[in-house]
Amino acid sequence: MSPGNRYRYLSPGGEPRGPLWLGEMRRLWQTGEIGSETQVCREGDDDWGPAHTFLEITSDLAVLPAPPGKSQRTRTSFSPGVWALIVLVALFMAWVQFFHLRE
């Protein structure tokens, strides 16, 4: 993985901890082991900031990166049955327009 996916944070005693993967940082955030003002920085970067400014850690809507070698494909939320129903409705509407709405 790229260095940007690992983070360090300062313990309450001021000691740096890490580097930790993003998933571990999210777990620490969710369990309350790091707070919103805990100082965090990305690995390879010396810019420390409060944890709440790292939305990839604190946001429930954040998307974790795909593991190495895996592509991040978005998957449709429709099942094949729903797609078949959509196609059938579209065909029916086309049939109605073509045969029954002609003047």
Protein backbone atom coordinates (compact mmCIF):
# COMPACT_ATOMS: atom_id res chain seq x y z
CA MET A 1 0.00 0.00 0.00
CA SER A 2 1.06 3.55 -0.42
CA PRO A 3 2.48 5.44 2.56
CA GLY A 4 -0.57 7.72 2.57
CA ASN A 5 -2.72 4.93 4.00
CA ARG A 6 -0.80 4.71 7.28
CA TYR A 7 -1.00 7.15 10.16
CA ARG A 8 0.70 8.06 13.39
CA TYR A 9 -0.89 9.63 16.44
CA LEU A 10 0.30 11.08 19.73
CA SER A 11 -0.62 9.20 22.90
CA PRO A 12 -1.94 11.19 25.89
CA GLY A 13 1.67 11.21 27.17
CA GLY A 14 2.84 12.81 23.90
CA GLU A 15 4.55 9.71 22.52
CA PRO A 16 4.11 8.94 18.80
CA ARG A 17 2.29 5.68 18.07
CA GLY A 18 2.22 3.90 14.74
CA PRO A 19 2.39 3.82 11.85
CA LEU A 20 -1.06 2.21 11.73
CA TRP A 21 -3.23 1.32 8.74
CA LEU A 22 -6.31 3.41 8.09
CA GLY A 23 -8.61 0.59 9.21
CA GLU A 24 -6.88 0.44 12.60
CA MET A 25 -7.08 4.22 12.98
CA ARG A 26 -10.82 4.06 12.25
CA ARG A 27 -11.21 1.34 14.89
CA LEU A 28 -9.36 3.46 17.46
CA TRP A 29 -11.62 6.41 16.61
CA GLN A 30 -14.81 4.35 16.82
CA THR A 31 -13.85 2.82 20.18
CA GLY A 32 -12.87 6.22 21.60
CA GLU A 33 -9.22 5.34 22.05
CA ILE A 34 -8.35 8.50 20.11
CA GLY A 35 -10.40 11.64 20.49
CA SER A 36 -11.22 14.51 18.18
CA GLU A 37 -8.25 16.59 19.40
CA THR A 38 -5.71 13.74 19.32
CA GLN A 39 -2.84 14.82 17.09
CA VAL A 40 -2.55 12.69 13.94
CA CYS A 41 -0.34 12.75 10.86
CA ARG A 42 0.02 10.64 7.73
CA GLU A 43 3.10 8.48 7.43
CA GLY A 44 5.79 10.33 5.50
CA ASP A 45 4.29 13.71 6.45
CA ASP A 46 5.25 15.95 9.37
CA ASP A 47 2.03 18.00 9.43
CA TRP A 48 0.24 17.03 12.65
CA GLY A 49 -3.38 17.98 13.11
CA PRO A 50 -6.39 17.09 15.24
CA ALA A 51 -8.00 13.74 14.38
CA HIS A 52 -11.34 15.36 13.50
CA THR A 53 -9.71 16.98 10.45
CA PHE A 54 -8.88 13.54 8.97
CA LEU A 55 -12.30 12.69 7.53
CA GLU A 56 -11.06 9.36 6.18
CA ILE A 57 -10.64 8.34 9.83
CA THR A 58 -13.60 10.02 11.48
CA SER A 59 -16.37 9.94 8.89
CA ASP A 60 -18.83 7.04 8.78
CA LEU A 61 -19.17 7.73 5.06
CA ALA A 62 -15.45 7.29 4.33
CA VAL A 63 -14.51 4.52 1.92
CA LEU A 64 -11.59 2.34 2.82
CA PRO A 65 -9.10 1.81 0.00
CA ALA A 66 -9.11 -1.52 -1.81
CA PRO A 67 -6.46 -4.03 -0.74
CA PRO A 68 -3.37 -4.16 -2.98
CA GLY A 69 -4.03 -5.91 -6.27
CA LYS A 70 -7.80 -5.56 -5.99
CA SER A 71 -9.76 -3.11 -8.07
CA GLN A 72 -12.40 -0.95 -6.46
CA ARG A 73 -15.45 -1.72 -8.55
CA THR A 74 -18.76 -0.21 -7.70
CA ARG A 75 -21.44 -2.83 -7.58
CA THR A 76 -24.98 -2.16 -8.61
CA SER A 77 -27.54 -2.49 -5.87
CA PHE A 78 -30.08 -4.11 -8.22
CA SER A 79 -30.42 -7.88 -8.34
CA PRO A 80 -30.81 -9.64 -11.72
CA GLY A 81 -34.54 -10.03 -11.02
CA VAL A 82 -34.97 -6.29 -10.61
CA TRP A 83 -33.07 -5.65 -13.86
CA ALA A 84 -35.33 -8.16 -15.66
CA LEU A 85 -38.40 -6.37 -14.31
CA ILE A 86 -37.08 -3.00 -15.47
CA VAL A 87 -36.42 -4.37 -18.96
CA LEU A 88 -39.88 -5.95 -19.15
CA VAL A 89 -41.58 -2.72 -18.08
CA ALA A 90 -39.57 -0.76 -20.67
CA LEU A 91 -40.51 -3.25 -23.40
CA PHE A 92 -44.16 -3.11 -22.39
CA MET A 93 -44.14 0.70 -22.49
CA ALA A 94 -42.54 0.64 -25.94
CA TRP A 95 -45.16 -1.88 -27.15
CA VAL A 96 -48.02 0.29 -25.81
CA GLN A 97 -46.60 3.39 -27.46
CA PHE A 98 -46.04 1.69 -30.79
CA PHE A 99 -49.32 -0.21 -31.13
CA HIS A 100 -51.88 1.59 -29.00
CA LEU A 101 -51.00 5.26 -29.07
CA ARG A 102 -50.74 5.61 -32.84
CA GLU A 103 -53.43 7.78 -34.34
